[in-house]
Amino acid sequence: MTQKEQELLKLLAQGYFKRDKSKNVLNYCSDFITNHHQDFEELNSNLGYSLKFFLKDYLGFHFKWQSSMRSFGKNDDFIADQITESELIEEMTNPTSSIKRLLDTANGDVKLVKPFLPFIMISLDTDTRDKEKMEFIHTGRFVFDFDKIGDEETTLKWMNKVWKGTKNVKPYMAFVSPSGNGFKLFCQVDTSNEDFINDFASEERGEMMVKHKIWYEGAWKELAENFPKIADNIDTATKDPQRLTLLPFIADKATHFKYAPKVFSEYSKIVEAEKEQRRIKKEQDIKKHEVEVKALMQKEGITSKREAYHLYQKNRANGFDLELEIDKFKKVITFIIDLSKEDTRVKNWLKKKFSSYEILNKQSWVLYGVFGSMGINELKKLIPLGSNKLDKNHGDYNWANKSDENYDEDKRKELTLASFYKLVFEIGKVKDYVLDNFAITSSQVSNFKLINKAYENYKYNLDLKEEGEKNADLSEFLKKINFHLDAKKNRLPLIKNLEETEPDIKLGPKEYLDKDVMKNLIKVKYADKRIFSLRSQCGTSCAVLEGDL
């Protein structure tokens, strides 16, 4: 823009808060154009009717309106641009790039323009974060973010050290972060590696996330071991492959940027070492609960200690009752099969849904995660006879090849059967069957069993006391019940209390919008109150309470 036009934009911003407050932003911009019509002649001829929208956007940028909303959210349906690595490097290092120009508008202040900086998703080959459309094809690339290292000299010193790599972790790109007090480290593995191909073949979100995390955590441990002084500075949030990486402008390419495109990190060795550590920990955990595991194996006819241990852990999870869920799941499968024999529409629905590799792969991930191999075996009953999805020698049988190493144990405890029931509820009769026969929830059964078990313990201690035993503890029952109720306590009734509370004072609309009136209420008259609640959006009343949150 010409110097004259830039001065006009400054004038536009300076006059905004002095405007007639009855005018909105667009009206203010329209009036400004009218008042400076000749000065805007060139812009007006280029933009025409769009000029006022351009000025509105400029004000938004100048005053940073909604800058926090410019993020590329996880469910955002925005379609991203693809960029080659050479274009990426050009964008970060070229003094005429958009990043450099963006920083120039903020006089080099990264904080002002951080919401507008471009960013990349290095680990996934996808152009959206919309969970309905997102693809989970792994690129073989991983990022490590070393944050809050220190001043520029300290940051560069550590970046040069870590750039040398470790035995198995060899960075191929490194650069100073936009903040200037940390650096990013990019690593790549050989995507033609057989283990990598097998691990990331399914392109199923949950499984891909775990495989990514296994290599990441193995590599992170090796980096931490080799560089212990900055181990705590690694932002482990990058173990999420959906994580976005902000791009900086690199003024000094010689010192602030490193690139060796033909350098690859080891894949198989890191994964094997990490899996072995996880296996040892799992064996130790199983041993701690050996009695419970053996009892569950005998009761459910399970041959694998690992599967029995997982079911034991699942049964302990809040709101999950193993016995009820297994009974419900098996009976629903049987009901669907019987229904398909009577109703051709159900038979055709089964053929369509359970001949799909994508659907089977997604459902098997959840069902194995909840029930282990029993979930896979039950799911097979819904697959039409003769389908290659049942042929162990066919590639399409891979949907059934699930194992414990495909799961993150903490996340596995949170898995539910919601996606399975959402799918089969497409058949109305199945939904009716579940509602008629399993109206009681797993959580309700779990709560009942917990209270019943606590009461049985109370009766046991009562018998001990009657027999004269000194170690009888009659208070244990109440302790457990109170602990359970505290965990379940719902604080929503506070809202109801607020709705029914009579206001201490009433304000008119003008008083409600008067800054001095409100300041006096909150900071003077009711300064000692723990909770101050304004009620009614139209500004007719407010309530003041005292209490603890």
Protein backbone atom coordinates (compact mmCIF):
# COMPACT_ATOMS: atom_id res chain seq x y z
CA MET A 1 0.00 0.00 0.00
CA THR A 2 1.09 3.57 -0.53
CA GLN A 3 2.26 5.62 2.45
CA LYS A 4 -0.88 7.73 2.10
CA GLU A 5 -3.12 4.67 2.32
CA GLN A 6 -1.22 3.35 5.33
CA GLU A 7 -1.77 6.67 7.10
CA LEU A 8 -5.48 6.39 6.32
CA LEU A 9 -5.61 2.97 8.02
CA LYS A 10 -3.98 4.42 11.13
CA LEU A 11 -6.58 7.18 11.09
CA LEU A 12 -9.33 4.54 10.71
CA ALA A 13 -8.11 2.73 13.84
CA GLN A 14 -7.59 5.91 15.86
CA GLY A 15 -11.13 7.12 15.22
CA TYR A 16 -12.90 3.83 15.89
CA PHE A 17 -13.56 4.29 19.61
CA LYS A 18 -14.53 7.96 19.07
CA ARG A 19 -17.30 7.00 16.62
CA ASP A 20 -21.05 7.30 17.19
CA LYS A 21 -21.62 4.16 19.32
CA SER A 22 -24.91 3.46 17.57
CA LYS A 23 -22.94 2.52 14.44
CA ASN A 24 -21.59 -0.96 13.97
CA VAL A 25 -18.16 -1.72 12.48
CA LEU A 26 -19.32 -1.96 8.86
CA ASN A 27 -21.29 1.28 9.09
CA TYR A 28 -18.26 3.03 10.57
CA CYS A 29 -16.08 1.73 7.70
CA SER A 30 -18.66 2.81 5.09
CA ASP A 31 -18.78 6.34 6.53
CA PHE A 32 -14.98 6.46 6.65
CA ILE A 33 -14.79 5.55 2.94
CA THR A 34 -17.37 8.23 2.10
CA ASN A 35 -15.45 10.86 4.06
CA HIS A 36 -12.14 9.90 2.39
CA HIS A 37 -13.46 8.91 -1.01
CA GLN A 38 -10.74 10.59 -3.08
CA ASP A 39 -7.93 9.27 -0.85
CA PHE A 40 -9.23 5.72 -1.31
CA GLU A 41 -9.58 6.07 -5.06
CA GLU A 42 -7.06 3.36 -5.99
CA LEU A 43 -8.21 0.87 -3.37
CA ASN A 44 -11.82 1.61 -4.18
CA SER A 45 -11.29 0.87 -7.87
CA ASN A 46 -9.65 -2.46 -7.01
CA LEU A 47 -11.98 -3.60 -4.24
CA GLY A 48 -15.20 -1.70 -4.89
CA TYR A 49 -18.00 -2.88 -2.61
CA SER A 50 -15.53 -5.19 -0.78
CA LEU A 51 -13.48 -2.24 0.48
CA LYS A 52 -15.57 -1.81 3.65
CA PHE A 53 -15.09 -5.51 4.44
CA PHE A 54 -11.36 -5.13 3.90
CA LEU A 55 -11.33 -2.22 6.38
CA LYS A 56 -13.40 -4.24 8.87
CA ASP A 57 -10.85 -7.10 8.63
CA TYR A 58 -8.02 -4.62 9.10
CA LEU A 59 -9.62 -3.33 12.32
CA GLY A 60 -10.05 -6.93 13.47
CA PHE A 61 -6.35 -7.55 12.93
CA HIS A 62 -5.29 -4.22 14.43
CA PHE A 63 -7.31 -4.72 17.63
CA LYS A 64 -6.75 -8.52 17.63
CA TRP A 65 -10.48 -9.25 17.67
CA GLN A 66 -11.16 -13.01 17.75
CA SER A 67 -7.50 -13.82 17.27
CA SER A 68 -7.90 -16.74 19.68
CA MET A 69 -10.49 -18.23 17.30
CA ARG A 70 -8.04 -18.54 14.43
CA SER A 71 -6.76 -21.89 15.65
CA PHE A 72 -7.06 -24.99 13.45
CA GLY A 73 -9.15 -26.96 15.94
CA LYS A 74 -9.35 -30.73 16.15
CA ASN A 75 -12.88 -30.76 14.74
CA ASP A 76 -12.38 -27.87 12.33
CA ASP A 77 -13.62 -28.70 8.80
CA PHE A 78 -11.10 -26.31 7.23
CA ILE A 79 -9.20 -27.91 4.32
CA ALA A 80 -5.47 -27.31 4.60
CA ASP A 81 -2.97 -26.77 1.80
CA GLN A 82 -0.30 -29.36 1.05
CA ILE A 83 3.30 -28.23 1.02
CA THR A 84 6.52 -29.93 -0.03
CA GLU A 85 9.53 -29.93 2.26
CA SER A 86 11.45 -27.60 -0.04
CA GLU A 87 8.50 -25.16 -0.06
CA LEU A 88 8.31 -25.43 3.73
CA ILE A 89 11.97 -24.48 4.11
CA GLU A 90 11.53 -21.63 1.63
CA GLU A 91 8.57 -20.28 3.64
CA MET A 92 10.59 -20.37 6.89
CA THR A 93 13.80 -18.83 5.51
CA ASN A 94 12.83 -16.46 2.68
CA PRO A 95 12.81 -12.78 3.84
CA THR A 96 9.86 -12.09 1.46
CA SER A 97 7.74 -14.96 2.82
CA SER A 98 4.32 -14.48 4.41
CA ILE A 99 5.72 -15.37 7.85
CA LYS A 100 8.35 -12.61 7.63
CA ARG A 101 5.78 -10.07 6.40
CA LEU A 102 3.41 -11.05 9.19
CA LEU A 103 6.14 -10.50 11.80
CA ASP A 104 7.03 -7.15 10.23
CA THR A 105 3.47 -5.90 10.73
CA ALA A 106 3.90 -6.62 14.47
CA ASN A 107 7.40 -5.16 14.63
CA GLY A 108 8.80 -8.63 15.28
CA ASP A 109 6.55 -9.34 18.29
CA VAL A 110 5.70 -13.04 17.90
CA LYS A 111 3.05 -12.91 20.66
CA LEU A 112 0.91 -10.51 18.62
CA VAL A 113 0.81 -12.68 15.50
CA LYS A 114 1.14 -16.18 16.98
CA PRO A 115 -2.56 -17.02 16.32
CA PHE A 116 -1.99 -16.19 12.65
CA LEU A 117 1.25 -18.08 12.06
CA PRO A 118 1.06 -21.03 9.66
CA PHE A 119 1.49 -24.51 11.08
CA ILE A 120 1.94 -28.05 9.82
CA MET A 121 0.90 -31.53 10.84
CA ILE A 122 4.16 -33.40 10.30
CA SER A 123 3.09 -36.95 11.23
CA LEU A 124 -0.15 -37.41 9.28
CA ASP A 125 -0.92 -37.24 5.59
CA THR A 126 -4.30 -35.52 5.92
CA ASP A 127 -5.72 -32.17 4.87
CA THR A 128 -8.27 -31.69 7.66
CA ARG A 129 -8.76 -32.14 11.40
CA ASP A 130 -12.46 -32.81 10.96
CA LYS A 131 -12.84 -36.12 12.83
CA GLU A 132 -15.43 -37.29 10.29
CA LYS A 133 -13.08 -36.83 7.32
CA MET A 134 -9.61 -37.01 8.81
CA GLU A 135 -7.26 -39.65 7.40
CA PHE A 136 -4.76 -41.47 9.59
CA ILE A 137 -2.00 -42.24 7.12
CA HIS A 138 1.33 -41.91 8.90
CA THR A 139 4.17 -40.09 7.13
CA GLY A 140 6.97 -41.73 9.13
CA ARG A 141 7.88 -38.34 10.62
CA PHE A 142 7.92 -37.36 14.29
CA VAL A 143 8.51 -34.04 16.06
CA PHE A 144 10.14 -33.34 19.42
CA ASP A 145 9.57 -29.92 20.93
CA PHE A 146 12.27 -28.69 23.35
CA ASP A 147 10.65 -25.79 25.17
CA LYS A 148 11.88 -23.02 27.52
CA ILE A 149 15.57 -23.83 27.12
CA GLY A 150 16.78 -20.29 27.82
CA ASP A 151 18.26 -17.36 25.93
CA GLU A 152 19.33 -17.57 22.29
CA GLU A 153 22.91 -18.64 23.04
CA THR A 154 21.77 -21.48 25.37
CA THR A 155 19.08 -22.61 22.93
CA LEU A 156 21.56 -22.82 20.03
CA LYS A 157 24.09 -24.65 22.19
CA TRP A 158 21.61 -27.40 23.07
CA MET A 159 20.17 -27.60 19.56
CA ASN A 160 23.68 -28.27 18.21
CA LYS A 161 24.23 -30.98 20.85
CA VAL A 162 20.94 -32.78 20.27
CA TRP A 163 21.38 -32.49 16.49
CA LYS A 164 24.19 -35.06 16.75
CA GLY A 165 21.52 -37.55 17.81
CA THR A 166 21.79 -40.80 19.74
CA LYS A 167 22.38 -44.42 18.83
CA ASN A 168 18.93 -44.85 17.24
CA VAL A 169 17.46 -41.33 17.09
CA LYS A 170 18.94 -39.26 14.24
CA PRO A 171 17.25 -35.88 13.54
CA TYR A 172 16.96 -34.78 9.94
CA MET A 173 15.67 -31.23 10.59
CA ALA A 174 15.98 -28.78 13.48
CA PHE A 175 15.12 -25.12 13.91
CA VAL A 176 14.59 -22.54 16.63
CA SER A 177 10.96 -22.21 17.77
CA PRO A 178 8.91 -19.05 17.07
CA SER A 179 9.30 -18.09 20.75
CA GLY A 180 13.10 -18.08 20.38
CA ASN A 181 13.76 -19.93 23.65
CA GLY A 182 13.36 -23.50 22.38
CA PHE A 183 13.81 -25.62 19.29
CA LYS A 184 11.97 -28.23 17.22
CA LEU A 185 13.51 -31.52 16.22
CA PHE A 186 12.12 -33.53 13.28
CA CYS A 187 12.93 -37.22 12.86
CA GLN A 188 11.98 -39.58 10.06
CA VAL A 189 12.00 -43.36 9.79
CA ASP A 190 12.19 -45.56 6.73
CA THR A 191 8.55 -46.05 5.65
CA SER A 192 9.58 -49.08 3.57
CA ASN A 193 10.61 -50.85 6.79
CA GLU A 194 8.50 -54.03 7.08
CA ASP A 195 7.70 -53.43 10.76
CA PHE A 196 6.58 -49.87 10.04
CA ILE A 197 4.35 -51.04 7.18
CA ASN A 198 2.73 -53.70 9.37
CA ASP A 199 2.25 -51.34 12.31
CA PHE A 200 0.57 -48.57 10.33
CA ALA A 201 -1.29 -50.64 7.74
CA SER A 202 -4.75 -50.43 9.34
CA GLU A 203 -5.03 -46.59 9.26
CA GLU A 204 -7.48 -46.92 12.16
CA ARG A 205 -7.24 -43.90 14.44
CA GLY A 206 -6.91 -45.61 17.82
CA GLU A 207 -4.38 -48.15 16.63
CA MET A 208 -2.35 -45.58 14.72
CA MET A 209 -2.22 -43.30 17.79
CA VAL A 210 -0.80 -46.15 19.91
CA LYS A 211 1.81 -47.17 17.31
CA HIS A 212 2.94 -43.56 17.01
CA LYS A 213 3.17 -43.27 20.79
CA ILE A 214 5.24 -46.48 21.12
CA TRP A 215 7.99 -45.20 18.81
CA TYR A 216 7.76 -41.67 20.21
CA GLU A 217 8.11 -42.75 23.85
CA GLY A 218 10.95 -45.13 23.03
CA ALA A 219 12.80 -42.35 21.20
CA TRP A 220 11.97 -39.82 23.94
CA LYS A 221 13.52 -42.09 26.59
CA GLU A 222 16.69 -42.41 24.52
CA LEU A 223 16.90 -38.62 24.07
CA ALA A 224 16.24 -38.06 27.79
CA GLU A 225 18.93 -40.57 28.74
CA ASN A 226 21.51 -38.94 26.46
CA PHE A 227 20.59 -35.34 27.33
CA PRO A 228 19.36 -35.51 30.96
CA LYS A 229 19.81 -31.79 31.66
CA ILE A 230 17.05 -30.83 29.21
CA ALA A 231 14.95 -34.02 29.44
CA ASP A 232 12.22 -32.17 31.34
CA ASN A 233 12.10 -29.52 28.61
CA ILE A 234 10.70 -31.93 26.03
CA ASP A 235 7.01 -31.16 25.54
CA THR A 236 5.52 -34.67 25.52
CA ALA A 237 2.26 -33.36 24.01
CA THR A 238 3.87 -34.10 20.63
CA LYS A 239 3.29 -37.83 21.27
CA ASP A 240 -0.11 -37.00 19.74
CA PRO A 241 0.36 -37.26 15.94
CA GLN A 242 -2.50 -34.80 15.44
CA ARG A 243 -0.43 -32.13 17.15
CA LEU A 244 0.29 -29.02 15.05
CA THR A 245 3.71 -27.39 14.80
CA LEU A 246 3.96 -23.60 14.43
CA LEU A 247 6.41 -22.39 11.81
CA PRO A 248 8.89 -19.59 12.63
CA PHE A 249 10.74 -17.21 10.36
CA ILE A 250 14.44 -18.10 10.43
CA ALA A 251 16.52 -15.00 9.75
CA ASP A 252 19.89 -16.72 10.23
CA LYS A 253 19.64 -19.97 8.30
CA ALA A 254 23.29 -20.84 8.92
CA THR A 255 22.93 -21.07 12.73
CA HIS A 256 19.18 -21.37 13.48
CA PHE A 257 18.34 -24.10 10.98
CA LYS A 258 19.69 -27.58 10.23
CA TYR A 259 18.65 -29.99 7.49
CA ALA A 260 19.92 -33.42 6.44
CA PRO A 261 17.14 -34.99 4.31
CA LYS A 262 18.85 -38.37 3.88
CA VAL A 263 19.26 -39.08 7.61
CA PHE A 264 16.86 -41.68 9.08
CA SER A 265 16.19 -42.80 12.63
CA GLU A 266 15.95 -46.49 13.55
CA TYR A 267 12.39 -47.80 13.71
CA SER A 268 12.38 -51.50 14.64
CA LYS A 269 14.98 -51.38 17.43
CA ILE A 270 13.27 -48.48 19.22
CA VAL A 271 9.85 -50.15 18.96
CA GLU A 272 11.15 -53.54 20.14
CA ALA A 273 12.89 -51.98 23.16
CA GLU A 274 9.79 -49.98 24.13
CA LYS A 275 7.49 -53.00 23.72
CA GLU A 276 9.79 -55.10 25.89
CA GLN A 277 9.69 -52.49 28.67
CA ARG A 278 5.90 -52.43 28.46
CA ARG A 279 5.75 -56.24 28.51
CA ILE A 280 7.89 -56.43 31.66
CA LYS A 281 5.73 -53.82 33.40
CA LYS A 282 2.55 -55.68 32.42
CA GLU A 283 3.92 -58.97 33.79
CA GLN A 284 4.75 -57.22 37.08
CA ASP A 285 1.23 -55.78 37.29
CA ILE A 286 -0.35 -59.18 36.58
CA LYS A 287 1.75 -60.79 39.30
CA LYS A 288 0.47 -58.25 41.85
CA HIS A 289 -3.10 -59.39 41.15
CA GLU A 290 -2.41 -63.07 40.49
CA VAL A 291 -5.22 -64.36 42.77
CA GLU A 292 -7.92 -62.18 41.13
CA VAL A 293 -6.64 -63.01 37.62
CA LYS A 294 -6.75 -66.77 38.20
CA ALA A 295 -10.27 -66.52 39.66
CA LEU A 296 -11.48 -64.62 36.59
CA MET A 297 -9.81 -67.10 34.22
CA GLN A 298 -11.64 -69.95 35.88
CA LYS A 299 -15.00 -68.14 35.98
CA GLU A 300 -15.02 -66.91 32.36
CA GLY A 301 -13.03 -69.78 30.82
CA ILE A 302 -10.19 -67.49 29.73
CA THR A 303 -6.84 -69.08 28.87
CA SER A 304 -4.73 -65.90 28.69
CA LYS A 305 -3.51 -64.25 31.89
CA ARG A 306 -3.10 -60.94 30.05
CA GLU A 307 -6.71 -60.96 28.84
CA ALA A 308 -7.99 -61.94 32.27
CA TYR A 309 -5.94 -59.14 33.87
CA HIS A 310 -7.36 -56.61 31.43
CA LEU A 311 -10.93 -57.73 32.17
CA TYR A 312 -10.14 -57.52 35.88
CA GLN A 313 -8.93 -53.92 35.38
CA LYS A 314 -11.96 -53.13 33.24
CA ASN A 315 -14.30 -54.50 35.89
CA ARG A 316 -12.72 -52.16 38.44
CA ALA A 317 -13.31 -49.14 36.23
CA ASN A 318 -15.98 -46.75 37.44
CA GLY A 319 -19.42 -47.50 35.97
CA PHE A 320 -18.52 -50.78 34.23
CA ASP A 321 -19.91 -54.14 35.31
CA LEU A 322 -18.17 -56.98 33.48
CA GLU A 323 -20.78 -59.66 34.12
CA LEU A 324 -23.66 -57.49 32.88
CA GLU A 325 -21.78 -56.20 29.82
CA ILE A 326 -20.68 -59.67 28.65
CA ASP A 327 -24.21 -61.05 29.07
CA LYS A 328 -25.73 -58.08 27.24
CA PHE A 329 -23.21 -58.18 24.37
CA LYS A 330 -23.58 -61.92 23.70
CA LYS A 331 -27.38 -61.83 23.85
CA VAL A 332 -27.54 -58.87 21.43
CA ILE A 333 -25.33 -60.76 18.95
CA THR A 334 -27.60 -63.82 19.21
CA PHE A 335 -30.73 -61.65 18.83
CA ILE A 336 -29.38 -60.04 15.62
CA ILE A 337 -28.52 -63.44 14.12
CA ASP A 338 -31.98 -64.85 14.91
CA LEU A 339 -33.60 -61.70 13.53
CA SER A 340 -31.65 -62.00 10.26
CA LYS A 341 -33.12 -65.48 9.73
CA GLU A 342 -36.63 -64.06 9.87
CA ASP A 343 -36.18 -60.65 8.20
CA THR A 344 -34.51 -60.30 4.78
CA ARG A 345 -33.87 -56.59 5.42
CA VAL A 346 -31.78 -57.41 8.49
CA LYS A 347 -29.91 -60.09 6.54
CA ASN A 348 -29.07 -57.58 3.78
CA TRP A 349 -28.05 -54.99 6.41
CA LEU A 350 -25.63 -57.48 7.96
CA LYS A 351 -24.18 -58.31 4.55
CA LYS A 352 -23.62 -54.63 3.78
CA LYS A 353 -22.19 -53.58 7.15
CA PHE A 354 -20.18 -56.64 8.15
CA SER A 355 -18.57 -57.21 4.77
CA SER A 356 -16.92 -53.79 5.12
CA TYR A 357 -13.26 -53.98 6.17
CA GLU A 358 -13.41 -50.42 7.50
CA ILE A 359 -16.41 -51.13 9.77
CA LEU A 360 -14.98 -54.44 10.99
CA ASN A 361 -11.60 -52.90 11.69
CA LYS A 362 -13.16 -50.05 13.68
CA GLN A 363 -15.49 -52.34 15.65
CA SER A 364 -12.82 -54.96 16.34
CA TRP A 365 -10.53 -52.26 17.75
CA VAL A 366 -13.17 -51.35 20.34
CA LEU A 367 -14.42 -54.87 21.07
CA TYR A 368 -10.96 -56.36 21.55
CA GLY A 369 -10.09 -53.36 23.70
CA VAL A 370 -13.06 -54.11 25.97
CA PHE A 371 -13.42 -57.91 25.87
CA GLY A 372 -10.20 -59.25 24.34
CA SER A 373 -10.40 -62.16 21.87
CA MET A 374 -13.94 -62.97 23.02
CA GLY A 375 -15.09 -59.69 21.43
CA ILE A 376 -13.49 -60.66 18.09
CA ASN A 377 -15.01 -64.17 18.17
CA GLU A 378 -18.49 -62.79 18.83
CA LEU A 379 -18.14 -60.20 16.06
CA LYS A 380 -17.26 -62.96 13.57
CA LYS A 381 -20.75 -64.41 14.06
CA LEU A 382 -22.24 -61.36 12.30
CA ILE A 383 -20.09 -61.75 9.16
CA PRO A 384 -21.87 -63.49 6.24
CA LEU A 385 -20.65 -67.05 5.58
CA GLY A 386 -18.19 -67.31 2.68
CA SER A 387 -16.84 -63.77 3.22
CA ASN A 388 -13.07 -63.34 2.78
CA LYS A 389 -13.20 -61.43 6.09
CA LEU A 390 -13.38 -64.89 7.73
CA ASP A 391 -10.51 -66.39 5.67
CA LYS A 392 -7.34 -66.39 7.78
CA ASN A 393 -5.22 -66.74 4.63
CA HIS A 394 -6.71 -63.63 3.02
CA GLY A 395 -5.35 -60.11 3.51
CA ASP A 396 -8.81 -58.84 4.45
CA TYR A 397 -8.67 -60.97 7.60
CA ASN A 398 -6.27 -58.43 9.10
CA TRP A 399 -9.22 -56.68 10.73
CA ALA A 400 -9.22 -59.51 13.31
CA ASN A 401 -5.51 -59.37 14.08
CA LYS A 402 -5.57 -57.37 17.27
CA SER A 403 -3.23 -57.72 20.25
CA ASP A 404 -2.57 -56.04 23.59
CA GLU A 405 0.38 -54.10 22.18
CA ASN A 406 -2.04 -52.17 19.95
CA TYR A 407 -3.45 -50.39 23.00
CA ASP A 408 -2.48 -47.75 25.48
CA GLU A 409 -3.51 -49.24 28.84
CA ASP A 410 -4.80 -46.00 30.36
CA LYS A 411 -6.92 -45.22 27.30
CA ARG A 412 -8.07 -48.83 27.09
CA LYS A 413 -9.75 -48.56 30.49
CA GLU A 414 -11.89 -45.75 29.09
CA LEU A 415 -13.12 -47.70 26.04
CA THR A 416 -16.87 -48.31 25.89
CA LEU A 417 -19.21 -50.27 23.61
CA ALA A 418 -20.98 -47.08 22.51
CA SER A 419 -19.84 -47.32 18.86
CA PHE A 420 -20.99 -50.96 18.60
CA TYR A 421 -24.46 -50.24 19.99
CA LYS A 422 -24.75 -47.09 17.86
CA LEU A 423 -24.16 -49.28 14.79
CA VAL A 424 -26.57 -52.12 15.64
CA PHE A 425 -29.24 -49.66 16.85
CA GLU A 426 -29.71 -48.81 13.16
CA ILE A 427 -32.00 -51.85 13.36
CA GLY A 428 -34.96 -50.55 15.37
CA LYS A 429 -35.87 -53.96 16.79
CA VAL A 430 -32.37 -54.33 18.26
CA LYS A 431 -32.68 -51.01 20.05
CA ASP A 432 -36.10 -52.02 21.41
CA TYR A 433 -34.68 -55.37 22.55
CA VAL A 434 -31.86 -53.73 24.50
CA LEU A 435 -34.16 -51.17 26.12
CA ASP A 436 -36.67 -53.87 27.10
CA ASN A 437 -34.14 -56.34 28.49
CA PHE A 438 -31.26 -54.20 29.74
CA ALA A 439 -32.90 -51.01 31.00
CA ILE A 440 -30.67 -51.11 34.08
CA THR A 441 -27.27 -49.63 33.31
CA SER A 442 -23.83 -51.05 33.96
CA SER A 443 -23.17 -48.12 36.28
CA GLN A 444 -26.28 -48.86 38.35
CA VAL A 445 -25.30 -52.52 38.73
CA SER A 446 -21.77 -51.49 39.68
CA ASN A 447 -23.07 -49.09 42.35
CA PHE A 448 -25.41 -51.72 43.78
CA LYS A 449 -22.62 -54.30 43.99
CA LEU A 450 -20.30 -51.82 45.68
CA ILE A 451 -22.88 -50.93 48.34
CA ASN A 452 -23.85 -54.58 48.82
CA LYS A 453 -20.21 -55.60 49.26
CA ALA A 454 -19.68 -52.84 51.82
CA TYR A 455 -22.77 -54.01 53.74
CA GLU A 456 -21.58 -57.63 53.74
CA ASN A 457 -18.31 -56.42 55.22
CA TYR A 458 -20.27 -54.55 57.90
CA LYS A 459 -22.19 -57.73 58.80
CA TYR A 460 -18.90 -59.63 59.04
CA ASN A 461 -17.47 -57.05 61.47
CA LEU A 462 -20.74 -57.11 63.42
CA ASP A 463 -20.37 -60.88 63.91
CA LEU A 464 -16.76 -60.34 65.02
CA LYS A 465 -17.88 -57.82 67.63
CA GLU A 466 -20.54 -60.17 68.98
CA GLU A 467 -17.85 -62.82 69.33
CA GLY A 468 -15.79 -60.38 71.37
CA GLU A 469 -13.12 -59.66 68.74
CA LYS A 470 -11.32 -56.38 69.45
CA ASN A 471 -10.34 -55.74 65.81
CA ALA A 472 -13.98 -55.45 64.63
CA ASP A 473 -14.43 -52.19 62.68
CA LEU A 474 -18.08 -51.14 62.45
CA SER A 475 -17.22 -47.71 61.02
CA GLU A 476 -15.64 -49.13 57.84
CA PHE A 477 -19.07 -49.54 56.21
CA LEU A 478 -19.97 -45.87 56.63
CA LYS A 479 -16.50 -44.77 55.55
CA LYS A 480 -16.81 -46.66 52.25
CA ILE A 481 -20.35 -45.44 51.59
CA ASN A 482 -19.40 -41.82 52.33
CA PHE A 483 -16.33 -42.09 50.09
CA HIS A 484 -18.50 -43.47 47.28
CA LEU A 485 -21.13 -40.73 47.70
CA ASP A 486 -18.49 -38.01 47.78
CA ALA A 487 -17.10 -39.31 44.48
CA LYS A 488 -20.57 -39.27 42.94
CA LYS A 489 -21.71 -35.97 44.42
CA ASN A 490 -23.44 -33.82 41.82
CA ARG A 491 -22.95 -30.10 42.20
CA LEU A 492 -25.58 -29.14 39.63
CA PRO A 493 -28.30 -28.52 42.30
CA LEU A 494 -26.42 -25.27 43.04
CA ILE A 495 -27.88 -23.94 39.78
CA LYS A 496 -31.39 -24.73 41.01
CA ASN A 497 -30.62 -22.93 44.27
CA LEU A 498 -29.50 -19.86 42.34
CA GLU A 499 -32.70 -19.86 40.29
CA GLU A 500 -34.86 -19.96 43.43
CA THR A 501 -32.88 -17.38 45.41
CA GLU A 502 -34.53 -14.01 45.92
CA PRO A 503 -32.36 -11.12 44.70
CA ASP A 504 -30.76 -8.86 47.30
CA ILE A 505 -31.05 -5.89 44.97
CA LYS A 506 -32.66 -5.02 41.65
CA LEU A 507 -31.11 -2.88 38.95
CA GLY A 508 -32.54 -1.18 35.93
CA PRO A 509 -30.92 -1.66 32.50
CA LYS A 510 -28.98 1.61 32.69
CA GLU A 511 -27.61 0.82 36.17
CA TYR A 512 -26.75 -2.70 35.07
CA LEU A 513 -24.62 -1.34 32.24
CA ASP A 514 -23.04 1.42 34.31
CA LYS A 515 -19.41 0.54 35.04
CA ASP A 516 -19.24 2.63 38.24
CA VAL A 517 -22.41 1.09 39.67
CA MET A 518 -21.17 -2.42 39.05
CA LYS A 519 -17.72 -1.65 40.39
CA ASN A 520 -19.27 -0.34 43.61
CA LEU A 521 -21.39 -3.50 43.99
CA ILE A 522 -18.65 -6.03 43.37
CA LYS A 523 -15.63 -4.33 44.93
CA VAL A 524 -17.23 -2.29 47.72
CA LYS A 525 -20.73 -3.29 48.84
CA TYR A 526 -20.27 -7.03 48.35
CA ALA A 527 -16.48 -7.25 48.50
CA ASP A 528 -16.65 -9.83 51.30
CA LYS A 529 -18.89 -12.29 49.42
CA ARG A 530 -17.44 -15.56 48.18
CA ILE A 531 -19.89 -15.83 45.27
CA PHE A 532 -21.35 -12.95 43.34
CA SER A 533 -24.02 -13.89 40.81
CA LEU A 534 -25.65 -11.57 38.29
CA ARG A 535 -28.96 -12.89 37.05
CA SER A 536 -31.01 -12.17 33.94
CA GLN A 537 -29.41 -11.32 30.61
CA CYS A 538 -31.80 -8.42 30.13
CA GLY A 539 -30.28 -6.80 33.24
CA THR A 540 -33.30 -6.63 35.55
CA SER A 541 -31.97 -8.31 38.68
CA CYS A 542 -29.00 -9.89 40.39
CA ALA A 543 -28.47 -12.24 43.32
CA VAL A 544 -25.66 -12.23 45.83
CA LEU A 545 -24.80 -15.41 47.74
CA GLU A 546 -22.20 -16.48 50.20
CA GLY A 547 -20.79 -19.98 50.25
CA ASP A 548 -18.09 -22.37 49.09
CA LEU A 549 -17.64 -23.71 45.58
